[in-house]
Amino acid sequence: MHEYSLVEALLERASAEARKHGGGVKVKKVSVSIGALAGVEVELLVRAWETFTERSVCEGAPLEV
């Protein structure tokens, strides 16, 4: 599923940014914009985000679309 690979990339990027700011930093929110022709199902993307971020620096951080 396309949404899973997007979430994986978002999580990697957010984790890398958190590491730049030192250990113990938690991500509070991730915001993304999705174009109308992207073919992304927003509900599936958000559900995938909630699942993939468990036990990560992004756990509990909402994905704002």
N, C-alpha and C. Protein backbone atom coordinates (compact mmCIF):
# COMPACT_ATOMS: atom_id res chain seq x y z
N MET A 1 0.83 -1.18 0.00
CA MET A 1 0.00 0.00 0.00
C MET A 1 0.87 1.25 0.00
N HIS A 2 0.50 2.18 -0.80
CA HIS A 2 1.21 3.44 -0.97
C HIS A 2 1.32 4.21 0.35
N GLU A 3 0.26 4.19 1.13
CA GLU A 3 0.24 4.94 2.39
C GLU A 3 1.30 4.42 3.36
N TYR A 4 1.54 3.12 3.37
CA TYR A 4 2.53 2.55 4.29
C TYR A 4 3.93 3.06 3.97
N SER A 5 4.26 3.13 2.69
CA SER A 5 5.60 3.62 2.32
C SER A 5 5.72 5.11 2.63
N LEU A 6 4.64 5.86 2.50
CA LEU A 6 4.67 7.27 2.86
C LEU A 6 4.90 7.44 4.36
N VAL A 7 4.20 6.65 5.16
CA VAL A 7 4.37 6.71 6.61
C VAL A 7 5.79 6.31 7.00
N GLU A 8 6.31 5.30 6.36
CA GLU A 8 7.68 4.88 6.67
C GLU A 8 8.67 6.02 6.40
N ALA A 9 8.50 6.71 5.28
CA ALA A 9 9.38 7.82 4.95
C ALA A 9 9.20 8.99 5.92
N LEU A 10 7.96 9.29 6.28
CA LEU A 10 7.69 10.35 7.25
C LEU A 10 8.32 10.04 8.61
N LEU A 11 8.17 8.80 9.04
CA LEU A 11 8.72 8.40 10.33
C LEU A 11 10.25 8.48 10.32
N GLU A 12 10.87 8.03 9.25
CA GLU A 12 12.33 8.12 9.15
C GLU A 12 12.80 9.57 9.22
N ARG A 13 12.11 10.45 8.49
CA ARG A 13 12.49 11.87 8.46
C ARG A 13 12.29 12.52 9.82
N ALA A 14 11.14 12.28 10.44
CA ALA A 14 10.87 12.86 11.76
C ALA A 14 11.85 12.34 12.80
N SER A 15 12.19 11.06 12.74
CA SER A 15 13.15 10.48 13.68
C SER A 15 14.53 11.09 13.49
N ALA A 16 14.93 11.31 12.25
CA ALA A 16 16.23 11.92 11.97
C ALA A 16 16.29 13.34 12.52
N GLU A 17 15.21 14.09 12.36
CA GLU A 17 15.17 15.45 12.90
C GLU A 17 15.23 15.44 14.42
N ALA A 18 14.54 14.50 15.05
CA ALA A 18 14.56 14.40 16.51
C ALA A 18 15.97 14.07 17.00
N ARG A 19 16.67 13.18 16.29
CA ARG A 19 18.05 12.82 16.68
C ARG A 19 18.98 14.03 16.62
N LYS A 20 18.74 14.93 15.68
CA LYS A 20 19.58 16.13 15.56
C LYS A 20 19.50 16.98 16.82
N HIS A 21 18.40 16.88 17.53
CA HIS A 21 18.18 17.71 18.72
C HIS A 21 18.51 16.98 20.02
N GLY A 22 19.12 15.82 19.91
CA GLY A 22 19.59 15.12 21.10
C GLY A 22 18.67 14.01 21.56
N GLY A 23 19.20 13.16 22.43
CA GLY A 23 18.45 12.03 22.96
C GLY A 23 17.28 12.46 23.82
N GLY A 24 16.26 11.66 23.81
CA GLY A 24 15.10 11.91 24.64
C GLY A 24 14.10 12.89 24.04
N VAL A 25 14.39 13.41 22.85
CA VAL A 25 13.47 14.35 22.20
C VAL A 25 12.32 13.57 21.60
N LYS A 26 11.11 14.04 21.85
CA LYS A 26 9.91 13.42 21.29
C LYS A 26 9.30 14.37 20.26
N VAL A 27 8.79 13.80 19.20
CA VAL A 27 8.09 14.58 18.18
C VAL A 27 6.68 14.86 18.70
N LYS A 28 6.24 16.09 18.61
CA LYS A 28 4.93 16.47 19.14
C LYS A 28 3.83 16.46 18.09
N LYS A 29 4.19 16.72 16.82
CA LYS A 29 3.20 16.75 15.75
C LYS A 29 3.92 16.70 14.42
N VAL A 30 3.30 16.06 13.43
CA VAL A 30 3.82 16.04 12.07
C VAL A 30 2.70 16.54 11.16
N SER A 31 3.03 17.54 10.34
CA SER A 31 2.05 18.12 9.42
C SER A 31 2.48 17.84 7.99
N VAL A 32 1.54 17.42 7.17
CA VAL A 32 1.82 17.16 5.76
C VAL A 32 0.69 17.72 4.91
N SER A 33 1.02 18.05 3.68
CA SER A 33 0.02 18.46 2.69
C SER A 33 0.00 17.41 1.60
N ILE A 34 -1.19 17.04 1.17
CA ILE A 34 -1.33 16.02 0.15
C ILE A 34 -2.15 16.60 -1.00
N GLY A 35 -1.59 16.55 -2.18
CA GLY A 35 -2.29 17.06 -3.35
C GLY A 35 -3.48 16.19 -3.72
N ALA A 36 -4.43 16.79 -4.41
CA ALA A 36 -5.67 16.11 -4.79
C ALA A 36 -5.41 14.91 -5.70
N LEU A 37 -4.36 14.95 -6.47
CA LEU A 37 -4.08 13.88 -7.43
C LEU A 37 -3.06 12.86 -6.91
N ALA A 38 -2.73 12.93 -5.64
CA ALA A 38 -1.72 12.03 -5.07
C ALA A 38 -2.20 10.59 -4.94
N GLY A 39 -3.49 10.39 -4.90
CA GLY A 39 -4.02 9.03 -4.77
C GLY A 39 -3.84 8.45 -3.38
N VAL A 40 -3.82 9.32 -2.38
CA VAL A 40 -3.62 8.89 -1.00
C VAL A 40 -4.95 8.91 -0.26
N GLU A 41 -5.25 7.82 0.43
CA GLU A 41 -6.43 7.78 1.29
C GLU A 41 -6.02 8.29 2.67
N VAL A 42 -6.54 9.46 3.01
CA VAL A 42 -6.11 10.14 4.24
C VAL A 42 -6.40 9.29 5.47
N GLU A 43 -7.57 8.68 5.55
CA GLU A 43 -7.90 7.87 6.73
C GLU A 43 -6.92 6.71 6.89
N LEU A 44 -6.57 6.07 5.79
CA LEU A 44 -5.62 4.96 5.84
C LEU A 44 -4.23 5.46 6.22
N LEU A 45 -3.86 6.62 5.72
CA LEU A 45 -2.56 7.21 6.06
C LEU A 45 -2.47 7.48 7.56
N VAL A 46 -3.51 8.07 8.13
CA VAL A 46 -3.52 8.39 9.56
C VAL A 46 -3.50 7.11 10.39
N ARG A 47 -4.28 6.11 9.99
CA ARG A 47 -4.28 4.83 10.72
C ARG A 47 -2.90 4.16 10.66
N ALA A 48 -2.28 4.20 9.49
CA ALA A 48 -0.94 3.62 9.35
C ALA A 48 0.05 4.38 10.23
N TRP A 49 -0.07 5.70 10.29
CA TRP A 49 0.81 6.52 11.14
C TRP A 49 0.70 6.10 12.59
N GLU A 50 -0.54 5.95 13.06
CA GLU A 50 -0.76 5.57 14.45
C GLU A 50 -0.16 4.20 14.76
N THR A 51 -0.22 3.29 13.81
CA THR A 51 0.32 1.95 14.00
C THR A 51 1.84 1.94 13.96
N PHE A 52 2.42 2.56 12.94
CA PHE A 52 3.87 2.52 12.74
C PHE A 52 4.65 3.33 13.76
N THR A 53 4.02 4.31 14.39
CA THR A 53 4.76 5.15 15.32
C THR A 53 4.80 4.61 16.75
N GLU A 54 4.13 3.50 17.00
CA GLU A 54 4.19 2.91 18.34
C GLU A 54 5.63 2.61 18.70
N ARG A 55 6.01 2.95 19.93
CA ARG A 55 7.36 2.72 20.45
C ARG A 55 8.43 3.44 19.62
N SER A 56 8.12 4.63 19.16
CA SER A 56 9.09 5.45 18.44
C SER A 56 9.07 6.86 19.03
N VAL A 57 9.94 7.72 18.55
CA VAL A 57 9.96 9.11 19.03
C VAL A 57 8.71 9.86 18.59
N CYS A 58 7.94 9.28 17.69
CA CYS A 58 6.73 9.91 17.19
C CYS A 58 5.46 9.35 17.85
N GLU A 59 5.63 8.43 18.78
CA GLU A 59 4.45 7.83 19.42
C GLU A 59 3.60 8.92 20.07
N GLY A 60 2.31 8.91 19.77
CA GLY A 60 1.39 9.87 20.32
C GLY A 60 1.32 11.19 19.57
N ALA A 61 2.24 11.40 18.64
CA ALA A 61 2.23 12.64 17.85
C ALA A 61 1.18 12.53 16.75
N PRO A 62 0.26 13.46 16.70
CA PRO A 62 -0.75 13.39 15.65
C PRO A 62 -0.16 13.69 14.28
N LEU A 63 -0.72 13.07 13.27
CA LEU A 63 -0.37 13.37 11.88
C LEU A 63 -1.44 14.31 11.38
N GLU A 64 -1.05 15.54 11.14
CA GLU A 64 -1.97 16.59 10.70
C GLU A 64 -1.92 16.65 9.17
N VAL A 65 -3.06 16.36 8.53
CA VAL A 65 -3.11 16.33 7.07
C VAL A 65 -3.95 17.50 6.60
